[in-house]
C-alpha atoms as a PDB file:
ATOM      1  CA  UNK A   1     -29.544 -30.729-134.645  1.00  0.00           C
ATOM      2  CA  UNK A   2     -32.855 -28.714-135.184  1.00  0.00           C
ATOM      3  CA  UNK A   3     -32.735 -27.070-131.908  1.00  0.00           C
ATOM      4  CA  UNK A   4     -29.348 -25.846-132.269  1.00  0.00           C
ATOM      5  CA  UNK A   5     -30.369 -24.347-135.775  1.00  0.00           C
ATOM      6  CA  UNK A   6     -33.582 -22.789-134.572  1.00  0.00           C
ATOM      7  CA  UNK A   7     -32.288 -21.405-131.321  1.00  0.00           C
ATOM      8  CA  UNK A   8     -28.745 -20.317-132.346  1.00  0.00           C
ATOM      9  CA  UNK A   9     -29.391 -16.477-131.802  1.00  0.00           C
ATOM     10  CA  UNK A  10     -31.113 -16.829-128.453  1.00  0.00           C
ATOM     11  CA  UNK A  11     -28.952 -16.479-125.400  1.00  0.00           C
ATOM     12  CA  UNK A  12     -28.150 -19.238-122.953  1.00  0.00           C
ATOM     13  CA  UNK A  13     -30.096 -17.262-120.310  1.00  0.00           C
ATOM     14  CA  UNK A  14     -33.142 -17.213-122.344  1.00  0.00           C
ATOM     15  CA  UNK A  15     -33.019 -21.068-123.241  1.00  0.00           C
ATOM     16  CA  UNK A  16     -32.002 -21.782-119.380  1.00  0.00           C
ATOM     17  CA  UNK A  17     -35.045 -19.838-118.171  1.00  0.00           C
ATOM     18  CA  UNK A  18     -37.318 -21.656-120.625  1.00  0.00           C
ATOM     19  CA  UNK A  19     -36.344 -24.930-119.186  1.00  0.00           C
ATOM     20  CA  UNK A  20     -36.911 -23.456-115.465  1.00  0.00           C
ATOM     21  CA  UNK A  21     -33.323 -23.741-114.229  1.00  0.00           C
ATOM     22  CA  UNK A  22     -31.260 -21.341-112.157  1.00  0.00           C
ATOM     23  CA  UNK A  23     -27.466 -20.878-112.762  1.00  0.00           C
ATOM     24  CA  UNK A  24     -26.793 -22.865-109.941  1.00  0.00           C
ATOM     25  CA  UNK A  25     -29.191 -25.817-110.708  1.00  0.00           C
ATOM     26  CA  UNK A  26     -27.722 -25.875-114.343  1.00  0.00           C
ATOM     27  CA  UNK A  27     -24.202 -25.794-112.983  1.00  0.00           C
ATOM     28  CA  UNK A  28     -25.076 -28.902-110.673  1.00  0.00           C
ATOM     29  CA  UNK A  29     -26.730 -30.774-113.389  1.00  0.00           C
ATOM     30  CA  UNK A  30     -23.577 -30.283-115.618  1.00  0.00           C
ATOM     31  CA  UNK A  31     -20.965 -30.679-112.938  1.00  0.00           C
ATOM     32  CA  UNK A  32     -19.531 -27.242-113.780  1.00  0.00           C
ATOM     33  CA  UNK A  33     -18.903 -24.513-111.524  1.00  0.00           C
ATOM     34  CA  UNK A  34     -21.578 -22.018-111.274  1.00  0.00           C
ATOM     35  CA  UNK A  35     -19.135 -19.185-112.496  1.00  0.00           C
ATOM     36  CA  UNK A  36     -18.728 -20.916-115.646  1.00  0.00           C
ATOM     37  CA  UNK A  37     -22.456 -20.864-116.468  1.00  0.00           C
ATOM     38  CA  UNK A  38     -22.738 -17.296-115.407  1.00  0.00           C
ATOM     39  CA  UNK A  39     -19.875 -16.322-117.863  1.00  0.00           C
ATOM     40  CA  UNK A  40     -21.663 -17.685-121.006  1.00  0.00           C
ATOM     41  CA  UNK A  41     -24.938 -16.786-119.717  1.00  0.00           C
ATOM     42  CA  UNK A  42     -25.063 -13.560-121.751  1.00  0.00           C
ATOM     43  CA  UNK A  43     -23.609 -15.158-124.893  1.00  0.00           C
ATOM     44  CA  UNK A  44     -25.668 -16.393-127.715  1.00  0.00           C
ATOM     45  CA  UNK A  45     -25.630 -20.295-128.237  1.00  0.00           C
ATOM     46  CA  UNK A  46     -23.793 -20.060-131.633  1.00  0.00           C
ATOM     47  CA  UNK A  47     -21.008 -18.152-129.612  1.00  0.00           C
ATOM     48  CA  UNK A  48     -20.463 -20.570-126.822  1.00  0.00           C
ATOM     49  CA  UNK A  49     -17.415 -22.614-126.660  1.00  0.00           C
ATOM     50  CA  UNK A  50     -17.699 -26.032-128.328  1.00  0.00           C
ATOM     51  CA  UNK A  51     -16.703 -28.062-125.331  1.00  0.00           C
ATOM     52  CA  UNK A  52     -19.288 -26.326-123.056  1.00  0.00           C
ATOM     53  CA  UNK A  53     -21.783 -26.491-125.733  1.00  0.00           C
ATOM     54  CA  UNK A  54     -21.505 -30.101-126.091  1.00  0.00           C
ATOM     55  CA  UNK A  55     -22.402 -30.392-122.364  1.00  0.00           C
ATOM     56  CA  UNK A  56     -24.916 -27.825-122.190  1.00  0.00           C
ATOM     57  CA  UNK A  57     -27.147 -28.616-125.214  1.00  0.00           C
ATOM     58  CA  UNK A  58     -28.864 -31.925-123.985  1.00  0.00           C
ATOM     59  CA  UNK A  59     -29.983 -30.294-120.872  1.00  0.00           C
ATOM     60  CA  UNK A  60     -31.303 -27.225-122.719  1.00  0.00           C
ATOM     61  CA  UNK A  61     -33.074 -29.508-125.276  1.00  0.00           C
ATOM     62  CA  UNK A  62     -34.654 -31.564-122.381  1.00  0.00           C
ATOM     63  CA  UNK A  63     -33.230 -34.961-123.711  1.00  0.00           C
ATOM     64  CA  UNK A  64     -32.411 -36.084-120.176  1.00  0.00           C
ATOM     65  CA  UNK A  65     -35.960 -36.272-119.430  1.00  0.00           C
ATOM     66  CA  UNK A  66     -36.479 -39.113-121.822  1.00  0.00           C
ATOM     67  CA  UNK A  67     -34.605 -41.419-119.719  1.00  0.00           C
ATOM     68  CA  UNK A  68     -37.291 -41.096-116.574  1.00  0.00           C
ATOM     69  CA  UNK A  69     -38.075 -44.692-115.595  1.00  0.00           C
ATOM     70  CA  UNK A  70     -41.726 -44.278-115.274  1.00  0.00           C
END
């Protein structure tokens, strides 16, 4: 909740670069086409369509890192 509120005016590209992902890596992780990610790359987080935002937020937040078995 706080992540989205704090970062809603940042672009997807900024948030993606902060996590260290390329367009291709992020698309692979989300099981989307890289052209879909490239299309929303220049949009602010608040402007991203809700279905894609629901998929992309956990990865941009780093939530998937909490499930590493070590």
